[in-house]
Structures are given as structure tokens and as C-alpha cells.
Amino acid sequence: MKERKILVILSNRLNRSQKVRFLELDCDDKGNILKEHPLRAEPKVPKFDEVWEYDDGKPDMSTCHRFKCKYRHKLEKKKV
């Protein structure tokens, strides 16, 4: 069973003064979330398999409905 690391970015496109939140998820191959870690700031190194973004201003991940997958994001690690 292979685990994937996913970065979730929660932002508000209508109110840019609202603080952006970053979450790190550990998922299995089927997409089940194993662990969820809130991050204090934006990560500096590209170590994630996928990057998702939700920009409708919801406060946490459980209230979000659809995420946008960001391909070739600066924090996504290079695929070989």
C-alpha cells in the first residue's frame, strides 16, 4: 500500500485579507485520508504528490465541496 502526500490550500478569492490555511494529508491508493496535519505556514520545499486548492473561503476541509487540483504547482515534487 503506497501513501501519497497531498497539500490542501484553503483561501478566499473574494476576500484576499483572509488568512490562507495549509493542510497536509496522508492518503492511501484509494483516496482515503489517513492523517490530516494543519501547517503553520506555506511549505518551502516541493515534497507533495498532489496540490489541491479551495478558494471559496470555507474555514476547514470538512465543509468544502469541490477542490481544484493544481498541476505543476511549485510545491509538487517532480515526477520521474
C-alpha atoms as a PDB file:
ATOM      1  CA  MET A   1       0.000   0.000   0.000  1.00  0.00           C
ATOM      2  CA  LYS A   2       1.544   3.258  -1.162  1.00  0.00           C
ATOM      3  CA  GLU A   3       0.839   6.520   0.649  1.00  0.00           C
ATOM      4  CA  ARG A   4       0.502   9.891  -1.072  1.00  0.00           C
ATOM      5  CA  LYS A   5       1.157  13.314   0.460  1.00  0.00           C
ATOM      6  CA  ILE A   6      -1.316  15.996  -0.575  1.00  0.00           C
ATOM      7  CA  LEU A   7      -1.166  19.715   0.150  1.00  0.00           C
ATOM      8  CA  VAL A   8      -4.567  21.409   0.558  1.00  0.00           C
ATOM      9  CA  ILE A   9      -4.700  25.216   0.259  1.00  0.00           C
ATOM     10  CA  LEU A  10      -7.809  26.889   1.706  1.00  0.00           C
ATOM     11  CA  SER A  11      -8.156  30.504   0.582  1.00  0.00           C
ATOM     12  CA  ASN A  12     -10.809  33.128  -0.169  1.00  0.00           C
ATOM     13  CA  ARG A  13     -10.759  34.625  -3.652  1.00  0.00           C
ATOM     14  CA  LEU A  14     -13.365  37.264  -2.715  1.00  0.00           C
ATOM     15  CA  ASN A  15     -11.587  38.470   0.440  1.00  0.00           C
ATOM     16  CA  ARG A  16      -7.802  38.411  -0.021  1.00  0.00           C
ATOM     17  CA  SER A  17      -7.237  39.711   3.525  1.00  0.00           C
ATOM     18  CA  GLN A  18      -8.477  36.391   4.978  1.00  0.00           C
ATOM     19  CA  LYS A  19      -5.582  34.196   6.105  1.00  0.00           C
ATOM     20  CA  VAL A  20      -4.686  31.296   3.806  1.00  0.00           C
ATOM     21  CA  ARG A  21      -4.650  27.887   5.501  1.00  0.00           C
ATOM     22  CA  PHE A  22      -2.447  24.948   4.548  1.00  0.00           C
ATOM     23  CA  LEU A  23      -3.189  21.303   5.362  1.00  0.00           C
ATOM     24  CA  GLU A  24      -1.044  18.233   4.748  1.00  0.00           C
ATOM     25  CA  LEU A  25      -2.924  14.993   4.074  1.00  0.00           C
ATOM     26  CA  ASP A  26      -1.638  11.433   4.068  1.00  0.00           C
ATOM     27  CA  CYS A  27      -3.826   9.286   1.770  1.00  0.00           C
ATOM     28  CA  ASP A  28      -3.764   5.684   0.598  1.00  0.00           C
ATOM     29  CA  ASP A  29      -4.136   4.473  -3.013  1.00  0.00           C
ATOM     30  CA  LYS A  30      -7.938   4.501  -2.826  1.00  0.00           C
ATOM     31  CA  GLY A  31      -8.087   8.139  -1.697  1.00  0.00           C
ATOM     32  CA  ASN A  32      -8.925   7.507   1.956  1.00  0.00           C
ATOM     33  CA  ILE A  33      -7.484  10.156   4.269  1.00  0.00           C
ATOM     34  CA  LEU A  34      -5.238   8.539   6.875  1.00  0.00           C
ATOM     35  CA  LYS A  35      -3.890  11.674   8.605  1.00  0.00           C
ATOM     36  CA  GLU A  36      -4.558  15.406   8.430  1.00  0.00           C
ATOM     37  CA  HIS A  37      -1.948  17.903   9.653  1.00  0.00           C
ATOM     38  CA  PRO A  38      -2.548  21.673   9.727  1.00  0.00           C
ATOM     39  CA  LEU A  39       0.567  23.622   8.746  1.00  0.00           C
ATOM     40  CA  ARG A  40       1.585  26.958  10.290  1.00  0.00           C
ATOM     41  CA  ALA A  41       2.865  28.468   7.045  1.00  0.00           C
ATOM     42  CA  GLU A  42       3.356  27.672   3.380  1.00  0.00           C
ATOM     43  CA  PRO A  43       5.903  24.866   2.944  1.00  0.00           C
ATOM     44  CA  LYS A  44       9.234  25.800   1.364  1.00  0.00           C
ATOM     45  CA  VAL A  45      10.279  22.530  -0.290  1.00  0.00           C
ATOM     46  CA  PRO A  46       8.403  20.618  -3.032  1.00  0.00           C
ATOM     47  CA  LYS A  47       7.549  17.336  -1.298  1.00  0.00           C
ATOM     48  CA  PHE A  48       3.885  16.729  -2.215  1.00  0.00           C
ATOM     49  CA  ASP A  49       2.453  14.279  -4.741  1.00  0.00           C
ATOM     50  CA  GLU A  50      -0.601  16.490  -5.399  1.00  0.00           C
ATOM     51  CA  VAL A  51      -1.702  20.045  -4.591  1.00  0.00           C
ATOM     52  CA  TRP A  52      -5.416  20.871  -4.154  1.00  0.00           C
ATOM     53  CA  GLU A  53      -6.953  24.304  -3.736  1.00  0.00           C
ATOM     54  CA  TYR A  54     -10.329  25.505  -2.477  1.00  0.00           C
ATOM     55  CA  ASP A  55     -10.849  29.259  -2.845  1.00  0.00           C
ATOM     56  CA  ASP A  56     -14.420  29.891  -1.619  1.00  0.00           C
ATOM     57  CA  GLY A  57     -13.411  30.907   1.906  1.00  0.00           C
ATOM     58  CA  LYS A  58     -14.545  27.891   3.940  1.00  0.00           C
ATOM     59  CA  PRO A  59     -12.831  27.643   7.352  1.00  0.00           C
ATOM     60  CA  ASP A  60     -11.998  23.911   7.293  1.00  0.00           C
ATOM     61  CA  MET A  61     -11.807  20.984   4.909  1.00  0.00           C
ATOM     62  CA  SER A  62     -14.935  19.198   6.147  1.00  0.00           C
ATOM     63  CA  THR A  63     -17.204  21.996   4.849  1.00  0.00           C
ATOM     64  CA  CYS A  64     -15.638  22.152   1.363  1.00  0.00           C
ATOM     65  CA  HIS A  65     -17.392  20.538  -1.590  1.00  0.00           C
ATOM     66  CA  ARG A  66     -15.017  20.588  -4.571  1.00  0.00           C
ATOM     67  CA  PHE A  67     -11.272  21.013  -4.778  1.00  0.00           C
ATOM     68  CA  LYS A  68      -9.252  22.142  -7.782  1.00  0.00           C
ATOM     69  CA  CYS A  69      -6.179  20.057  -8.488  1.00  0.00           C
ATOM     70  CA  LYS A  70      -3.217  22.328  -9.270  1.00  0.00           C
ATOM     71  CA  TYR A  71      -0.915  20.659 -11.792  1.00  0.00           C
ATOM     72  CA  ARG A  72       2.757  21.710 -11.941  1.00  0.00           C
ATOM     73  CA  HIS A  73       2.471  23.663  -8.714  1.00  0.00           C
ATOM     74  CA  LYS A  74       5.761  24.888  -7.231  1.00  0.00           C
ATOM     75  CA  LEU A  75       5.308  22.629  -4.169  1.00  0.00           C
ATOM     76  CA  GLU A  76       4.555  19.490  -6.196  1.00  0.00           C
ATOM     77  CA  LYS A  77       7.553  17.205  -6.460  1.00  0.00           C
ATOM     78  CA  LYS A  78       8.828  16.370  -9.916  1.00  0.00           C
ATOM     79  CA  LYS A  79       7.563  13.104 -11.384  1.00  0.00           C
ATOM     80  CA  VAL A  80      10.159  10.845 -12.934  1.00  0.00           C
END
